[in-house]
C-alpha atoms as a PDB file:
ATOM      1  CA  MET A   1      12.037   4.454  56.656  1.00  0.00           C
ATOM      2  CA  LYS A   2       9.618   2.977  54.151  1.00  0.00           C
ATOM      3  CA  ILE A   3       7.718   5.314  51.812  1.00  0.00           C
ATOM      4  CA  THR A   4       4.859   3.971  49.678  1.00  0.00           C
ATOM      5  CA  LYS A   5       2.981   6.246  47.271  1.00  0.00           C
ATOM      6  CA  THR A   6      -0.482   5.541  45.865  1.00  0.00           C
ATOM      7  CA  THR A   7      -2.076   7.839  43.287  1.00  0.00           C
ATOM      8  CA  ASN A   8      -5.794   8.003  42.558  1.00  0.00           C
ATOM      9  CA  GLY A   9      -6.521  10.762  40.042  1.00  0.00           C
ATOM     10  CA  ASN A  10      -5.491  14.053  41.699  1.00  0.00           C
ATOM     11  CA  ASN A  11      -5.174  12.392  45.114  1.00  0.00           C
ATOM     12  CA  LEU A  12      -1.889  11.121  46.508  1.00  0.00           C
ATOM     13  CA  THR A  13      -1.507   8.917  49.573  1.00  0.00           C
ATOM     14  CA  VAL A  14       1.977   8.643  51.056  1.00  0.00           C
ATOM     15  CA  SER A  15       2.281   5.831  53.588  1.00  0.00           C
ATOM     16  CA  LEU A  16       5.199   6.039  56.015  1.00  0.00           C
ATOM     17  CA  GLY A  17       6.789   3.248  58.020  1.00  0.00           C
ATOM     18  CA  GLY A  18       9.624   3.198  60.516  1.00  0.00           C
ATOM     19  CA  ARG A  19      11.318   6.391  61.693  1.00  0.00           C
ATOM     20  CA  LEU A  20      10.971   9.903  60.268  1.00  0.00           C
ATOM     21  CA  ASP A  21      14.047  11.605  61.677  1.00  0.00           C
ATOM     22  CA  THR A  22      17.106  13.629  60.689  1.00  0.00           C
ATOM     23  CA  GLY A  23      18.439  10.764  58.582  1.00  0.00           C
ATOM     24  CA  THR A  24      15.236   9.995  56.686  1.00  0.00           C
ATOM     25  CA  ALA A  25      13.488  13.390  56.471  1.00  0.00           C
ATOM     26  CA  PRO A  26      15.462  14.503  53.368  1.00  0.00           C
ATOM     27  CA  GLU A  27      14.299  11.359  51.551  1.00  0.00           C
ATOM     28  CA  LEU A  28      10.642  12.130  52.288  1.00  0.00           C
ATOM     29  CA  GLU A  29      11.135  15.786  51.389  1.00  0.00           C
ATOM     30  CA  LYS A  30      12.570  14.792  48.005  1.00  0.00           C
ATOM     31  CA  GLU A  31       9.752  12.297  47.350  1.00  0.00           C
ATOM     32  CA  LEU A  32       7.107  14.906  48.152  1.00  0.00           C
ATOM     33  CA  LYS A  33       8.790  17.640  46.109  1.00  0.00           C
ATOM     34  CA  ASN A  34       8.839  15.326  43.071  1.00  0.00           C
ATOM     35  CA  SER A  35       5.253  14.084  43.569  1.00  0.00           C
ATOM     36  CA  LEU A  36       3.022  17.059  44.413  1.00  0.00           C
ATOM     37  CA  ASP A  37       2.599  18.635  40.961  1.00  0.00           C
ATOM     38  CA  GLY A  38      -1.111  18.491  40.139  1.00  0.00           C
ATOM     39  CA  VAL A  39      -2.052  16.876  43.446  1.00  0.00           C
ATOM     40  CA  GLU A  40      -5.213  18.351  44.974  1.00  0.00           C
ATOM     41  CA  GLU A  41      -5.439  16.113  48.048  1.00  0.00           C
ATOM     42  CA  LEU A  42      -2.450  14.697  49.912  1.00  0.00           C
ATOM     43  CA  ILE A  43      -2.902  12.075  52.615  1.00  0.00           C
ATOM     44  CA  ILE A  44       0.042  11.182  54.828  1.00  0.00           C
ATOM     45  CA  ASP A  45      -0.702   7.756  56.310  1.00  0.00           C
ATOM     46  CA  MET A  46       1.272   7.214  59.524  1.00  0.00           C
ATOM     47  CA  ALA A  47      -0.151   3.773  60.394  1.00  0.00           C
ATOM     48  CA  GLU A  48       3.314   2.195  60.435  1.00  0.00           C
ATOM     49  CA  LEU A  49       5.336   5.216  61.592  1.00  0.00           C
ATOM     50  CA  ASP A  50       7.129   4.538  64.888  1.00  0.00           C
ATOM     51  CA  TYR A  51       9.011   7.791  65.486  1.00  0.00           C
ATOM     52  CA  LEU A  52       8.827  11.430  64.403  1.00  0.00           C
ATOM     53  CA  SER A  53      11.550  14.023  65.056  1.00  0.00           C
ATOM     54  CA  SER A  54      11.670  17.786  64.547  1.00  0.00           C
ATOM     55  CA  ALA A  55      13.223  17.184  61.121  1.00  0.00           C
ATOM     56  CA  GLY A  56      10.134  15.186  60.180  1.00  0.00           C
ATOM     57  CA  LEU A  57       7.875  17.931  61.504  1.00  0.00           C
ATOM     58  CA  ARG A  58       9.681  20.424  59.263  1.00  0.00           C
ATOM     59  CA  VAL A  59       8.982  18.250  56.192  1.00  0.00           C
ATOM     60  CA  LEU A  60       5.304  17.948  57.159  1.00  0.00           C
ATOM     61  CA  LEU A  61       5.077  21.723  57.578  1.00  0.00           C
ATOM     62  CA  GLY A  62       6.597  22.267  54.130  1.00  0.00           C
ATOM     63  CA  ALA A  63       4.137  19.824  52.574  1.00  0.00           C
ATOM     64  CA  GLN A  64       1.253  21.560  54.355  1.00  0.00           C
ATOM     65  CA  LYS A  65       2.346  24.957  52.991  1.00  0.00           C
ATOM     66  CA  THR A  66       2.522  23.553  49.458  1.00  0.00           C
ATOM     67  CA  MET A  67      -0.879  21.901  49.741  1.00  0.00           C
ATOM     68  CA  ASN A  68      -2.466  25.068  51.171  1.00  0.00           C
ATOM     69  CA  ARG A  69      -1.762  26.646  47.767  1.00  0.00           C
ATOM     70  CA  GLN A  70      -3.066  23.801  45.616  1.00  0.00           C
ATOM     71  CA  GLY A  71      -5.524  21.732  47.658  1.00  0.00           C
ATOM     72  CA  SER A  72      -5.633  20.011  51.016  1.00  0.00           C
ATOM     73  CA  MET A  73      -3.529  17.719  53.193  1.00  0.00           C
ATOM     74  CA  LYS A  74      -4.626  15.223  55.823  1.00  0.00           C
ATOM     75  CA  VAL A  75      -2.607  13.113  58.222  1.00  0.00           C
ATOM     76  CA  SER A  76      -4.166   9.743  59.040  1.00  0.00           C
ATOM     77  CA  HIS A  77      -3.633   6.807  61.396  1.00  0.00           C
ATOM     78  CA  VAL A  78      -1.571   8.782  63.905  1.00  0.00           C
ATOM     79  CA  ASN A  79      -0.578   6.755  66.972  1.00  0.00           C
ATOM     80  CA  ASP A  80      -0.771   8.163  70.502  1.00  0.00           C
ATOM     81  CA  THR A  81       2.958   8.925  70.732  1.00  0.00           C
ATOM     82  CA  ILE A  82       3.034  10.953  67.521  1.00  0.00           C
ATOM     83  CA  MET A  83      -0.263  12.647  68.386  1.00  0.00           C
ATOM     84  CA  GLU A  84       1.307  13.785  71.640  1.00  0.00           C
ATOM     85  CA  ILE A  85       4.198  15.299  69.642  1.00  0.00           C
ATOM     86  CA  PHE A  86       1.657  17.106  67.431  1.00  0.00           C
ATOM     87  CA  GLU A  87      -0.151  18.465  70.483  1.00  0.00           C
ATOM     88  CA  VAL A  88       2.984  19.606  72.356  1.00  0.00           C
ATOM     89  CA  THR A  89       4.403  21.353  69.279  1.00  0.00           C
ATOM     90  CA  GLY A  90       1.089  22.902  68.196  1.00  0.00           C
ATOM     91  CA  PHE A  91       1.061  20.892  64.962  1.00  0.00           C
ATOM     92  CA  SER A  92      -2.349  19.507  65.932  1.00  0.00           C
ATOM     93  CA  ASP A  93      -3.655  23.030  65.215  1.00  0.00           C
ATOM     94  CA  ILE A  94      -1.802  23.299  61.879  1.00  0.00           C
ATOM     95  CA  LEU A  95      -2.410  19.823  60.426  1.00  0.00           C
ATOM     96  CA  THR A  96      -5.719  18.112  59.701  1.00  0.00           C
ATOM     97  CA  VAL A  97      -5.456  14.842  61.609  1.00  0.00           C
ATOM     98  CA  VAL A  98      -8.094  12.239  60.716  1.00  0.00           C
END
């Protein structure tokens, strides 16, 4: 998985590429844990994400809980396959998908 972070003031955009699964979820979790201090808006850009597993969903849920306390989180550029996962799991009701 490829993780690219872009900071603009108190806003952080994390762009994901490849697969977010059991093997790569801990890497994203660590990156987010080390990057969210002082962040008021988090954008997870999934334009290049091909696959999302339950382990990835868990990391997204953790990030959402953190951002609920300190600002907002949006998920952008979600493809049809991943959107279907969000809808089936109820994450489409939890996450702000733009």
